[in-house]
C-alpha atoms as a PDB file:
ATOM      1  CA  MET A   1     -11.042 -16.404  15.729  1.00  0.00           C
ATOM      2  CA  ALA A   2      -8.599 -17.000  12.856  1.00  0.00           C
ATOM      3  CA  LEU A   3      -8.304 -20.668  13.836  1.00  0.00           C
ATOM      4  CA  GLN A   4     -12.084 -21.121  13.777  1.00  0.00           C
ATOM      5  CA  ILE A   5     -12.382 -19.543  10.337  1.00  0.00           C
ATOM      6  CA  ALA A   6      -9.441 -21.515   8.940  1.00  0.00           C
ATOM      7  CA  ARG A   7     -10.978 -24.798  10.129  1.00  0.00           C
ATOM      8  CA  ARG A   8     -14.185 -24.028   8.200  1.00  0.00           C
ATOM      9  CA  ASN A   9     -12.402 -23.245   4.923  1.00  0.00           C
ATOM     10  CA  PRO A  10     -12.482 -25.959   2.280  1.00  0.00           C
ATOM     11  CA  PRO A  11      -8.942 -27.038   1.331  1.00  0.00           C
ATOM     12  CA  GLN A  12      -9.210 -25.610  -2.198  1.00  0.00           C
ATOM     13  CA  TYR A  13      -9.433 -22.052  -0.852  1.00  0.00           C
ATOM     14  CA  GLU A  14      -6.369 -20.074   0.069  1.00  0.00           C
ATOM     15  CA  CYS A  15      -6.546 -18.911   3.655  1.00  0.00           C
ATOM     16  CA  ARG A  16      -4.430 -16.010   4.869  1.00  0.00           C
ATOM     17  CA  VAL A  17      -4.105 -13.976   8.024  1.00  0.00           C
ATOM     18  CA  LEU A  18      -2.904 -10.402   8.008  1.00  0.00           C
ATOM     19  CA  PHE A  19      -1.395  -9.538  11.369  1.00  0.00           C
ATOM     20  CA  PHE A  20      -0.993  -5.886  12.390  1.00  0.00           C
ATOM     21  CA  THR A  21       1.401  -5.233  15.245  1.00  0.00           C
ATOM     22  CA  ASP A  22       3.824  -2.778  16.781  1.00  0.00           C
ATOM     23  CA  GLY A  23       6.290  -5.663  17.088  1.00  0.00           C
ATOM     24  CA  PHE A  24       6.321  -5.614  20.873  1.00  0.00           C
ATOM     25  CA  CYS A  25       6.166  -9.007  22.541  1.00  0.00           C
ATOM     26  CA  ASP A  26       7.419 -10.026  25.943  1.00  0.00           C
ATOM     27  CA  CYS A  27       6.820 -13.775  25.766  1.00  0.00           C
ATOM     28  CA  SER A  28       9.747 -16.162  26.214  1.00  0.00           C
ATOM     29  CA  TYR A  29       9.721 -17.185  22.531  1.00  0.00           C
ATOM     30  CA  CYS A  30      10.059 -13.638  21.224  1.00  0.00           C
ATOM     31  CA  SER A  31      12.147 -12.080  23.970  1.00  0.00           C
ATOM     32  CA  GLY A  32      14.406 -15.065  24.646  1.00  0.00           C
ATOM     33  CA  LYS A  33      13.754 -14.834  28.390  1.00  0.00           C
ATOM     34  CA  SER A  34      10.929 -15.697  30.760  1.00  0.00           C
ATOM     35  CA  GLY A  35       7.914 -13.650  29.766  1.00  0.00           C
ATOM     36  CA  ASN A  36       4.184 -13.228  29.414  1.00  0.00           C
ATOM     37  CA  GLU A  37       3.027 -16.320  27.495  1.00  0.00           C
ATOM     38  CA  LYS A  38      -0.699 -15.536  27.464  1.00  0.00           C
ATOM     39  CA  ASN A  39      -0.172 -12.642  25.040  1.00  0.00           C
ATOM     40  CA  CYS A  40       1.972 -14.709  22.663  1.00  0.00           C
ATOM     41  CA  PHE A  41       0.697 -15.418  19.160  1.00  0.00           C
ATOM     42  CA  LYS A  42       3.211 -18.233  18.475  1.00  0.00           C
ATOM     43  CA  LEU A  43       0.957 -21.171  19.384  1.00  0.00           C
ATOM     44  CA  GLU A  44      -1.882 -19.911  17.179  1.00  0.00           C
ATOM     45  CA  ALA A  45       0.555 -19.055  14.383  1.00  0.00           C
ATOM     46  CA  ASP A  46       1.988 -22.584  14.513  1.00  0.00           C
ATOM     47  CA  GLN A  47      -1.513 -24.102  14.380  1.00  0.00           C
ATOM     48  CA  LEU A  48      -2.472 -21.914  11.425  1.00  0.00           C
ATOM     49  CA  ASP A  49       0.778 -22.826   9.683  1.00  0.00           C
ATOM     50  CA  ALA A  50       0.021 -26.537  10.171  1.00  0.00           C
ATOM     51  CA  MET A  51      -3.314 -25.945   8.397  1.00  0.00           C
ATOM     52  CA  GLY A  52      -1.519 -24.292   5.479  1.00  0.00           C
ATOM     53  CA  VAL A  53      -2.533 -20.749   6.394  1.00  0.00           C
ATOM     54  CA  GLN A  54      -0.157 -18.018   5.274  1.00  0.00           C
ATOM     55  CA  ILE A  55       0.483 -15.236   7.782  1.00  0.00           C
ATOM     56  CA  ASP A  56       1.525 -11.809   6.498  1.00  0.00           C
ATOM     57  CA  VAL A  57       2.667  -9.208   9.018  1.00  0.00           C
ATOM     58  CA  ILE A  58       2.474  -5.430   8.840  1.00  0.00           C
ATOM     59  CA  GLY A  59       4.388  -3.626  11.540  1.00  0.00           C
ATOM     60  CA  PHE A  60       4.015  -0.036  12.661  1.00  0.00           C
ATOM     61  CA  GLY A  61       5.188   2.258  15.414  1.00  0.00           C
ATOM     62  CA  GLY A  62       8.305   1.350  17.389  1.00  0.00           C
ATOM     63  CA  ILE A  63       8.723  -2.030  15.767  1.00  0.00           C
ATOM     64  CA  ASP A  64      11.134  -4.834  16.377  1.00  0.00           C
ATOM     65  CA  GLU A  65      11.406  -6.420  12.926  1.00  0.00           C
ATOM     66  CA  SER A  66      12.920  -9.605  14.330  1.00  0.00           C
ATOM     67  CA  ILE A  67       9.619 -10.186  16.152  1.00  0.00           C
ATOM     68  CA  LEU A  68       7.673  -9.613  12.926  1.00  0.00           C
ATOM     69  CA  ASN A  69       9.699 -12.339  11.219  1.00  0.00           C
ATOM     70  CA  LEU A  70       8.902 -14.758  14.061  1.00  0.00           C
ATOM     71  CA  ILE A  71       5.170 -14.266  13.425  1.00  0.00           C
ATOM     72  CA  LYS A  72       5.041 -14.731   9.640  1.00  0.00           C
ATOM     73  CA  ARG A  73       4.291 -18.196   8.317  1.00  0.00           C
ATOM     74  CA  GLY A  74       4.258 -19.915   4.947  1.00  0.00           C
ATOM     75  CA  LYS A  75       4.968 -17.550   2.078  1.00  0.00           C
ATOM     76  CA  GLY A  76       3.934 -14.609   4.234  1.00  0.00           C
ATOM     77  CA  LYS A  77       5.614 -11.248   3.902  1.00  0.00           C
ATOM     78  CA  VAL A  78       6.792  -8.784   6.518  1.00  0.00           C
ATOM     79  CA  THR A  79       6.360  -5.101   5.777  1.00  0.00           C
ATOM     80  CA  VAL A  80       6.736  -1.992   7.896  1.00  0.00           C
ATOM     81  CA  GLY A  81       4.764   1.223   7.699  1.00  0.00           C
ATOM     82  CA  LYS A  82       6.269   4.299   9.289  1.00  0.00           C
ATOM     83  CA  THR A  83       2.946   6.156   9.001  1.00  0.00           C
ATOM     84  CA  MET A  84      -0.649   4.958   8.958  1.00  0.00           C
ATOM     85  CA  GLU A  85      -0.819   5.940   5.281  1.00  0.00           C
ATOM     86  CA  GLU A  86       2.052   3.537   4.564  1.00  0.00           C
ATOM     87  CA  VAL A  87       0.310   0.817   6.602  1.00  0.00           C
ATOM     88  CA  VAL A  88      -2.863   1.289   4.536  1.00  0.00           C
ATOM     89  CA  GLU A  89      -0.868   1.081   1.296  1.00  0.00           C
ATOM     90  CA  GLN A  90       0.873  -2.108   2.457  1.00  0.00           C
ATOM     91  CA  PHE A  91      -2.501  -3.613   3.352  1.00  0.00           C
ATOM     92  CA  LYS A  92      -3.792  -2.827  -0.143  1.00  0.00           C
ATOM     93  CA  VAL A  93      -0.752  -4.491  -1.739  1.00  0.00           C
ATOM     94  CA  ILE A  94      -1.095  -7.635   0.367  1.00  0.00           C
ATOM     95  CA  ALA A  95      -4.882  -7.800  -0.055  1.00  0.00           C
ATOM     96  CA  ALA A  96      -4.512  -7.601  -3.839  1.00  0.00           C
ATOM     97  CA  THR A  97      -1.951 -10.452  -4.005  1.00  0.00           C
ATOM     98  CA  LYS A  98      -3.193 -13.564  -5.728  1.00  0.00           C
END
């Protein structure tokens, strides 16, 4: 869905994706070993990056921050919320960024 929306955006508009995740990924790119490629976000993230889309990542739960850094693109930021209240606050900060 993000790819479809990004393709429709005129170039003068900033396009960003905010990715929420628990940081768990078992694909070969993230885990470094043979894994489940159909659940991997890397291909889509690379395509969005090629279109100039920034990807910010908010992690929660039992997160693996190294995975979060593999997902971010462009000038995207990685933040971690230990509670859902912290996740909501991080979303507000990122959404308000110009």
